[in-house]
Amino acid sequence: MTEHSNRMKYALREAERAFDGKEVPVGCIIVFENRIIAKSHNQIETLNDPTAHAEMLALTSAFDALQSKSLKGCSMYVTLEPCSMCAGAIVLSKIDNLYFGAYDNKAGACGSVLNITNNKSLNHKVNVYGGILDEECGLLLKVFFELKRSN
């Protein structure tokens, strides 16, 4: 198993925490100098906040950990391709690398529907790698929505 797969497993653990809390199961970690400096999962329902995506919460935690508004040298691992809000925040944070699991063909903004992370008009471009443990990441989402529809 690769280093990136191992790290995605940490993000999957966060997604499972979201699942257990009846949140859309998306998890995220941020790595700096080979150590996890931030981790989070979706908390939209818990916080009554539509911006409480795993990525946004992890970014805030990482800024605090590094005492910086820039996350140069950092890599983000998230179980689902980020949406436009999160992709914009990732660009603004100047993260170097984004690794995601499942592609989001409805709202993905890192190559699927939009490509904010590599927009030539913006001041920063992010190295993006998708499809890491995509089956595991996608299955958790599939099960969540099947359960939600059956209730």
N, C-alpha and C. Protein backbone atom coordinates (compact mmCIF):
# COMPACT_ATOMS: atom_id res chain seq x y z
N MET A 1 0.85 -1.18 0.00
CA MET A 1 0.00 0.00 0.00
C MET A 1 0.89 1.24 0.00
N THR A 2 0.52 2.22 -0.77
CA THR A 2 1.36 3.41 -0.90
C THR A 2 1.17 4.35 0.29
N GLU A 3 2.10 5.27 0.40
CA GLU A 3 2.04 6.31 1.43
C GLU A 3 0.72 7.09 1.32
N HIS A 4 0.31 7.38 0.10
CA HIS A 4 -0.92 8.17 -0.09
C HIS A 4 -2.16 7.36 0.30
N SER A 5 -2.15 6.08 0.01
CA SER A 5 -3.27 5.22 0.44
C SER A 5 -3.34 5.15 1.96
N ASN A 6 -2.19 5.03 2.59
CA ASN A 6 -2.16 5.00 4.06
C ASN A 6 -2.73 6.28 4.65
N ARG A 7 -2.36 7.40 4.08
CA ARG A 7 -2.87 8.68 4.58
C ARG A 7 -4.36 8.82 4.31
N MET A 8 -4.81 8.31 3.15
CA MET A 8 -6.24 8.39 2.86
C MET A 8 -7.04 7.56 3.86
N LYS A 9 -6.44 6.51 4.38
CA LYS A 9 -7.12 5.70 5.41
C LYS A 9 -7.41 6.54 6.65
N TYR A 10 -6.51 7.46 7.00
CA TYR A 10 -6.78 8.38 8.13
C TYR A 10 -7.98 9.27 7.81
N ALA A 11 -8.04 9.75 6.57
CA ALA A 11 -9.19 10.57 6.17
C ALA A 11 -10.47 9.75 6.19
N LEU A 12 -10.38 8.48 5.80
CA LEU A 12 -11.54 7.59 5.84
C LEU A 12 -12.04 7.39 7.27
N ARG A 13 -11.12 7.33 8.23
CA ARG A 13 -11.54 7.22 9.64
C ARG A 13 -12.35 8.44 10.05
N GLU A 14 -11.94 9.60 9.57
CA GLU A 14 -12.70 10.83 9.85
C GLU A 14 -14.07 10.76 9.17
N ALA A 15 -14.11 10.24 7.95
CA ALA A 15 -15.40 10.10 7.24
C ALA A 15 -16.33 9.16 8.01
N GLU A 16 -15.77 8.11 8.59
CA GLU A 16 -16.58 7.18 9.39
C GLU A 16 -17.14 7.88 10.62
N ARG A 17 -16.38 8.79 11.20
CA ARG A 17 -16.89 9.58 12.33
C ARG A 17 -18.08 10.42 11.89
N ALA A 18 -17.99 10.99 10.69
CA ALA A 18 -19.12 11.77 10.15
C ALA A 18 -20.32 10.85 9.97
N PHE A 19 -20.10 9.69 9.38
CA PHE A 19 -21.17 8.70 9.16
C PHE A 19 -21.87 8.38 10.47
N ASP A 20 -21.07 8.10 11.51
CA ASP A 20 -21.62 7.76 12.82
C ASP A 20 -22.44 8.90 13.41
N GLY A 21 -22.08 10.13 13.05
CA GLY A 21 -22.80 11.31 13.52
C GLY A 21 -23.92 11.75 12.60
N LYS A 22 -24.29 10.89 11.65
CA LYS A 22 -25.36 11.15 10.69
C LYS A 22 -25.07 12.36 9.79
N GLU A 23 -23.79 12.57 9.53
CA GLU A 23 -23.34 13.60 8.60
C GLU A 23 -22.93 12.92 7.30
N VAL A 24 -22.97 13.65 6.18
CA VAL A 24 -22.45 13.10 4.93
C VAL A 24 -21.00 12.71 5.20
N PRO A 25 -20.66 11.43 4.94
CA PRO A 25 -19.35 10.92 5.36
C PRO A 25 -18.17 11.37 4.49
N VAL A 26 -17.68 12.54 4.82
CA VAL A 26 -16.47 13.07 4.18
C VAL A 26 -15.48 13.36 5.29
N GLY A 27 -14.25 12.89 5.10
CA GLY A 27 -13.19 13.12 6.07
C GLY A 27 -11.97 13.73 5.41
N CYS A 28 -11.18 14.43 6.21
CA CYS A 28 -10.04 15.17 5.67
C CYS A 28 -8.91 15.22 6.69
N ILE A 29 -7.69 15.10 6.20
CA ILE A 29 -6.50 15.36 7.02
C ILE A 29 -5.57 16.29 6.24
N ILE A 30 -4.73 17.00 6.96
CA ILE A 30 -3.70 17.84 6.34
C ILE A 30 -2.36 17.44 6.94
N VAL A 31 -1.39 17.24 6.06
CA VAL A 31 -0.07 16.76 6.45
C VAL A 31 0.97 17.83 6.16
N PHE A 32 1.88 18.03 7.12
CA PHE A 32 3.02 18.94 6.96
C PHE A 32 4.24 18.24 7.53
N GLU A 33 5.30 18.18 6.76
CA GLU A 33 6.54 17.53 7.16
C GLU A 33 6.29 16.13 7.72
N ASN A 34 5.51 15.36 6.95
CA ASN A 34 5.21 13.96 7.25
C ASN A 34 4.44 13.72 8.55
N ARG A 35 3.76 14.74 9.06
CA ARG A 35 2.90 14.51 10.22
C ARG A 35 1.55 15.17 10.01
N ILE A 36 0.54 14.55 10.56
CA ILE A 36 -0.82 15.09 10.44
C ILE A 36 -0.94 16.28 11.40
N ILE A 37 -1.25 17.44 10.84
CA ILE A 37 -1.39 18.64 11.67
C ILE A 37 -2.85 19.04 11.84
N ALA A 38 -3.75 18.43 11.04
CA ALA A 38 -5.17 18.76 11.14
C ALA A 38 -5.98 17.59 10.62
N LYS A 39 -7.14 17.40 11.22
CA LYS A 39 -8.07 16.38 10.74
C LYS A 39 -9.47 16.84 11.10
N SER A 40 -10.41 16.45 10.25
CA SER A 40 -11.80 16.81 10.51
C SER A 40 -12.71 15.98 9.64
N HIS A 41 -13.99 16.16 9.87
CA HIS A 41 -15.03 15.51 9.08
C HIS A 41 -16.20 16.48 8.97
N ASN A 42 -17.10 16.20 8.05
CA ASN A 42 -18.27 17.06 7.88
C ASN A 42 -19.01 17.22 9.21
N GLN A 43 -19.43 18.46 9.48
CA GLN A 43 -20.19 18.75 10.69
C GLN A 43 -21.31 19.75 10.39
N ILE A 44 -21.85 19.67 9.19
CA ILE A 44 -22.87 20.61 8.74
C ILE A 44 -24.12 20.53 9.63
N GLU A 45 -24.60 19.31 9.87
CA GLU A 45 -25.81 19.12 10.69
C GLU A 45 -25.53 19.46 12.14
N THR A 46 -24.40 19.00 12.64
CA THR A 46 -24.03 19.22 14.04
C THR A 46 -23.93 20.70 14.38
N LEU A 47 -23.31 21.46 13.50
CA LEU A 47 -23.07 22.89 13.76
C LEU A 47 -24.12 23.80 13.13
N ASN A 48 -25.08 23.22 12.40
CA ASN A 48 -26.07 24.02 11.66
C ASN A 48 -25.37 25.08 10.81
N ASP A 49 -24.37 24.62 10.06
CA ASP A 49 -23.53 25.53 9.28
C ASP A 49 -23.21 24.87 7.94
N PRO A 50 -23.77 25.40 6.84
CA PRO A 50 -23.51 24.78 5.53
C PRO A 50 -22.06 24.89 5.07
N THR A 51 -21.24 25.69 5.75
CA THR A 51 -19.83 25.79 5.39
C THR A 51 -18.95 24.84 6.20
N ALA A 52 -19.54 24.05 7.09
CA ALA A 52 -18.77 23.18 7.98
C ALA A 52 -18.38 21.87 7.28
N HIS A 53 -17.80 22.01 6.10
CA HIS A 53 -17.29 20.86 5.36
C HIS A 53 -15.98 20.41 6.01
N ALA A 54 -15.65 19.15 5.83
CA ALA A 54 -14.43 18.58 6.40
C ALA A 54 -13.20 19.41 6.03
N GLU A 55 -13.13 19.81 4.76
CA GLU A 55 -11.96 20.57 4.30
C GLU A 55 -11.85 21.92 4.99
N MET A 56 -12.97 22.62 5.12
CA MET A 56 -12.95 23.96 5.73
C MET A 56 -12.51 23.88 7.19
N LEU A 57 -13.04 22.90 7.91
CA LEU A 57 -12.69 22.73 9.32
C LEU A 57 -11.23 22.33 9.48
N ALA A 58 -10.76 21.46 8.59
CA ALA A 58 -9.35 21.04 8.65
C ALA A 58 -8.42 22.21 8.31
N LEU A 59 -8.80 23.03 7.34
CA LEU A 59 -7.98 24.20 7.00
C LEU A 59 -7.83 25.12 8.21
N THR A 60 -8.93 25.42 8.87
CA THR A 60 -8.88 26.29 10.04
C THR A 60 -7.95 25.72 11.11
N SER A 61 -8.04 24.43 11.32
CA SER A 61 -7.19 23.76 12.30
C SER A 61 -5.71 23.82 11.89
N ALA A 62 -5.44 23.65 10.60
CA ALA A 62 -4.06 23.69 10.10
C ALA A 62 -3.47 25.10 10.21
N PHE A 63 -4.27 26.13 9.90
CA PHE A 63 -3.78 27.51 10.05
C PHE A 63 -3.36 27.74 11.50
N ASP A 64 -4.18 27.25 12.42
CA ASP A 64 -3.89 27.39 13.85
C ASP A 64 -2.63 26.63 14.23
N ALA A 65 -2.50 25.40 13.74
CA ALA A 65 -1.34 24.57 14.07
C ALA A 65 -0.03 25.20 13.60
N LEU A 66 -0.06 25.81 12.41
CA LEU A 66 1.15 26.42 11.86
C LEU A 66 1.27 27.91 12.19
N GLN A 67 0.24 28.46 12.80
CA GLN A 67 0.21 29.91 13.09
C GLN A 67 0.53 30.71 11.83
N SER A 68 -0.18 30.35 10.74
CA SER A 68 0.05 30.98 9.45
C SER A 68 -1.22 30.95 8.63
N LYS A 69 -1.37 31.94 7.74
CA LYS A 69 -2.50 31.93 6.81
C LYS A 69 -2.14 31.22 5.51
N SER A 70 -0.91 30.75 5.40
CA SER A 70 -0.45 30.02 4.23
C SER A 70 -0.08 28.61 4.63
N LEU A 71 -0.50 27.66 3.82
CA LEU A 71 -0.19 26.25 4.09
C LEU A 71 0.78 25.69 3.05
N LYS A 72 1.73 26.52 2.63
CA LYS A 72 2.77 26.05 1.72
C LYS A 72 3.51 24.89 2.38
N GLY A 73 3.78 23.87 1.57
CA GLY A 73 4.45 22.69 2.09
C GLY A 73 3.49 21.65 2.64
N CYS A 74 2.20 21.93 2.60
CA CYS A 74 1.20 21.01 3.13
C CYS A 74 0.51 20.23 2.02
N SER A 75 -0.01 19.07 2.40
CA SER A 75 -0.82 18.24 1.51
C SER A 75 -2.13 17.92 2.21
N MET A 76 -3.23 17.97 1.46
CA MET A 76 -4.55 17.64 1.99
C MET A 76 -4.98 16.31 1.39
N TYR A 77 -5.59 15.47 2.24
CA TYR A 77 -6.18 14.21 1.83
C TYR A 77 -7.65 14.27 2.22
N VAL A 78 -8.54 14.12 1.24
CA VAL A 78 -9.97 14.19 1.52
C VAL A 78 -10.67 13.08 0.75
N THR A 79 -11.70 12.51 1.35
CA THR A 79 -12.33 11.31 0.79
C THR A 79 -13.22 11.57 -0.41
N LEU A 80 -13.60 12.83 -0.63
CA LEU A 80 -14.45 13.20 -1.77
C LEU A 80 -13.87 14.43 -2.44
N GLU A 81 -13.91 14.46 -3.75
CA GLU A 81 -13.44 15.63 -4.50
C GLU A 81 -14.10 16.90 -3.95
N PRO A 82 -13.30 17.91 -3.59
CA PRO A 82 -13.86 19.12 -3.01
C PRO A 82 -14.82 19.88 -3.94
N CYS A 83 -15.79 20.54 -3.29
CA CYS A 83 -16.76 21.40 -3.98
C CYS A 83 -16.10 22.74 -4.31
N SER A 84 -16.84 23.63 -4.93
CA SER A 84 -16.27 24.93 -5.33
C SER A 84 -15.86 25.77 -4.12
N MET A 85 -16.63 25.76 -3.04
CA MET A 85 -16.27 26.53 -1.85
C MET A 85 -14.93 26.02 -1.29
N CYS A 86 -14.83 24.72 -1.13
CA CYS A 86 -13.62 24.14 -0.55
C CYS A 86 -12.42 24.29 -1.49
N ALA A 87 -12.65 24.11 -2.79
CA ALA A 87 -11.56 24.27 -3.76
C ALA A 87 -11.02 25.69 -3.73
N GLY A 88 -11.91 26.67 -3.63
CA GLY A 88 -11.48 28.06 -3.52
C GLY A 88 -10.65 28.30 -2.28
N ALA A 89 -11.08 27.74 -1.16
CA ALA A 89 -10.34 27.89 0.09
C ALA A 89 -8.98 27.19 0.01
N ILE A 90 -8.93 26.06 -0.66
CA ILE A 90 -7.67 25.33 -0.84
C ILE A 90 -6.69 26.18 -1.64
N VAL A 91 -7.16 26.81 -2.70
CA VAL A 91 -6.31 27.70 -3.50
C VAL A 91 -5.82 28.87 -2.65
N LEU A 92 -6.74 29.51 -1.91
CA LEU A 92 -6.36 30.67 -1.09
C LEU A 92 -5.37 30.30 0.00
N SER A 93 -5.43 29.06 0.47
CA SER A 93 -4.52 28.63 1.54
C SER A 93 -3.13 28.30 1.01
N LYS A 94 -3.01 28.17 -0.30
CA LYS A 94 -1.75 27.86 -0.96
C LYS A 94 -1.20 26.46 -0.63
N ILE A 95 -2.11 25.53 -0.39
CA ILE A 95 -1.71 24.13 -0.19
C ILE A 95 -1.00 23.65 -1.45
N ASP A 96 0.03 22.85 -1.29
CA ASP A 96 0.78 22.34 -2.43
C ASP A 96 0.06 21.22 -3.16
N ASN A 97 -0.42 20.22 -2.40
CA ASN A 97 -0.97 19.01 -3.00
C ASN A 97 -2.32 18.66 -2.42
N LEU A 98 -3.22 18.23 -3.29
CA LEU A 98 -4.53 17.75 -2.89
C LEU A 98 -4.67 16.32 -3.40
N TYR A 99 -4.97 15.41 -2.50
CA TYR A 99 -5.22 14.01 -2.84
C TYR A 99 -6.65 13.72 -2.42
N PHE A 100 -7.48 13.24 -3.35
CA PHE A 100 -8.84 12.92 -2.96
C PHE A 100 -9.21 11.51 -3.40
N GLY A 101 -10.26 10.99 -2.75
CA GLY A 101 -10.72 9.63 -3.02
C GLY A 101 -11.70 9.58 -4.17
N ALA A 102 -12.98 9.67 -3.84
CA ALA A 102 -14.05 9.54 -4.84
C ALA A 102 -14.20 10.83 -5.65
N TYR A 103 -14.46 10.66 -6.93
CA TYR A 103 -14.78 11.80 -7.79
C TYR A 103 -16.23 12.21 -7.53
N ASP A 104 -16.51 13.51 -7.65
CA ASP A 104 -17.87 14.02 -7.48
C ASP A 104 -18.33 14.61 -8.81
N ASN A 105 -19.06 13.80 -9.58
CA ASN A 105 -19.49 14.22 -10.91
C ASN A 105 -20.66 15.20 -10.90
N LYS A 106 -21.15 15.56 -9.72
CA LYS A 106 -22.24 16.54 -9.61
C LYS A 106 -21.75 17.89 -9.12
N ALA A 107 -20.75 17.89 -8.23
CA ALA A 107 -20.32 19.16 -7.63
C ALA A 107 -18.81 19.28 -7.49
N GLY A 108 -18.04 18.35 -8.03
CA GLY A 108 -16.59 18.38 -7.89
C GLY A 108 -15.97 19.57 -8.60
N ALA A 109 -15.10 20.28 -7.88
CA ALA A 109 -14.50 21.50 -8.44
C ALA A 109 -12.98 21.38 -8.58
N CYS A 110 -12.50 20.14 -8.68
CA CYS A 110 -11.07 19.91 -8.85
C CYS A 110 -10.81 19.07 -10.09
N GLY A 111 -11.67 19.25 -11.08
CA GLY A 111 -11.49 18.56 -12.35
C GLY A 111 -12.74 17.93 -12.92
N SER A 112 -13.70 17.53 -12.08
CA SER A 112 -14.90 16.84 -12.58
C SER A 112 -15.89 17.79 -13.25
N VAL A 113 -16.43 18.72 -12.49
CA VAL A 113 -17.41 19.68 -13.01
C VAL A 113 -16.73 21.01 -13.31
N LEU A 114 -15.95 21.47 -12.36
CA LEU A 114 -15.15 22.70 -12.49
C LEU A 114 -13.70 22.34 -12.18
N ASN A 115 -12.80 23.28 -12.46
CA ASN A 115 -11.40 23.05 -12.10
C ASN A 115 -10.83 24.32 -11.48
N ILE A 116 -11.29 24.60 -10.28
CA ILE A 116 -10.85 25.80 -9.56
C ILE A 116 -9.39 25.67 -9.12
N THR A 117 -8.99 24.48 -8.75
CA THR A 117 -7.63 24.28 -8.21
C THR A 117 -6.53 24.49 -9.26
N ASN A 118 -6.89 24.51 -10.52
CA ASN A 118 -5.90 24.75 -11.57
C ASN A 118 -6.37 25.78 -12.57
N ASN A 119 -7.13 26.75 -12.09
CA ASN A 119 -7.61 27.84 -12.94
C ASN A 119 -6.47 28.82 -13.22
N LYS A 120 -6.20 29.05 -14.50
CA LYS A 120 -5.08 29.92 -14.90
C LYS A 120 -5.22 31.35 -14.40
N SER A 121 -6.45 31.79 -14.13
CA SER A 121 -6.68 33.16 -13.68
C SER A 121 -6.37 33.37 -12.20
N LEU A 122 -6.25 32.31 -11.45
CA LEU A 122 -6.01 32.45 -10.01
C LEU A 122 -4.52 32.48 -9.71
N ASN A 123 -4.17 32.97 -8.51
CA ASN A 123 -2.77 33.21 -8.17
C ASN A 123 -2.02 31.98 -7.66
N HIS A 124 -2.70 30.85 -7.52
CA HIS A 124 -2.04 29.64 -7.04
C HIS A 124 -2.66 28.42 -7.71
N LYS A 125 -1.84 27.49 -8.06
CA LYS A 125 -2.32 26.22 -8.63
C LYS A 125 -1.93 25.10 -7.68
N VAL A 126 -2.82 24.13 -7.55
CA VAL A 126 -2.63 23.02 -6.63
C VAL A 126 -2.37 21.75 -7.44
N ASN A 127 -1.41 20.96 -7.03
CA ASN A 127 -1.20 19.64 -7.64
C ASN A 127 -2.33 18.74 -7.14
N VAL A 128 -3.12 18.19 -8.07
CA VAL A 128 -4.30 17.41 -7.70
C VAL A 128 -4.16 15.98 -8.18
N TYR A 129 -4.45 15.05 -7.27
CA TYR A 129 -4.40 13.62 -7.56
C TYR A 129 -5.69 13.00 -7.05
N GLY A 130 -6.52 12.50 -7.96
CA GLY A 130 -7.81 11.93 -7.58
C GLY A 130 -7.83 10.42 -7.71
N GLY A 131 -8.84 9.82 -7.08
CA GLY A 131 -9.06 8.39 -7.21
C GLY A 131 -8.31 7.52 -6.22
N ILE A 132 -7.77 8.10 -5.16
CA ILE A 132 -7.03 7.32 -4.17
C ILE A 132 -8.03 6.62 -3.25
N LEU A 133 -8.01 5.30 -3.24
CA LEU A 133 -8.99 4.48 -2.49
C LEU A 133 -10.42 4.90 -2.85
N ASP A 134 -10.61 5.21 -4.13
CA ASP A 134 -11.91 5.72 -4.57
C ASP A 134 -13.06 4.76 -4.29
N GLU A 135 -12.83 3.46 -4.41
CA GLU A 135 -13.91 2.50 -4.16
C GLU A 135 -14.34 2.53 -2.69
N GLU A 136 -13.37 2.54 -1.78
CA GLU A 136 -13.70 2.58 -0.35
C GLU A 136 -14.39 3.89 0.02
N CYS A 137 -13.86 4.99 -0.50
CA CYS A 137 -14.45 6.30 -0.21
C CYS A 137 -15.87 6.40 -0.78
N GLY A 138 -16.03 5.94 -2.01
CA GLY A 138 -17.33 5.99 -2.67
C GLY A 138 -18.35 5.08 -2.01
N LEU A 139 -17.91 3.91 -1.54
CA LEU A 139 -18.83 2.96 -0.91
C LEU A 139 -19.43 3.54 0.36
N LEU A 140 -18.64 4.21 1.16
CA LEU A 140 -19.14 4.82 2.39
C LEU A 140 -20.23 5.85 2.07
N LEU A 141 -20.02 6.65 1.04
CA LEU A 141 -21.03 7.63 0.62
C LEU A 141 -22.28 6.94 0.09
N LYS A 142 -22.08 5.89 -0.70
CA LYS A 142 -23.21 5.16 -1.28
C LYS A 142 -24.09 4.56 -0.18
N VAL A 143 -23.47 3.92 0.79
CA VAL A 143 -24.21 3.30 1.89
C VAL A 143 -24.96 4.37 2.68
N PHE A 144 -24.30 5.49 2.94
CA PHE A 144 -24.94 6.59 3.69
C PHE A 144 -26.22 7.05 3.00
N PHE A 145 -26.13 7.31 1.70
CA PHE A 145 -27.31 7.83 0.99
C PHE A 145 -28.38 6.77 0.79
N GLU A 146 -27.99 5.50 0.66
CA GLU A 146 -28.99 4.43 0.59
C GLU A 146 -29.76 4.34 1.91
N LEU A 147 -29.07 4.43 3.02
CA LEU A 147 -29.72 4.40 4.33
C LEU A 147 -30.63 5.61 4.51
N LYS A 148 -30.15 6.74 4.08
CA LYS A 148 -30.94 7.98 4.21
C LYS A 148 -32.23 7.89 3.40
N ARG A 149 -32.15 7.34 2.18
CA ARG A 149 -33.33 7.21 1.33
C ARG A 149 -34.32 6.17 1.87
N SER A 150 -33.81 5.16 2.56
CA SER A 150 -34.70 4.10 3.07
C SER A 150 -35.42 4.50 4.35
N ASN A 151 -34.99 5.57 4.98
CA ASN A 151 -35.64 6.02 6.23
C ASN A 151 -36.77 6.99 5.98
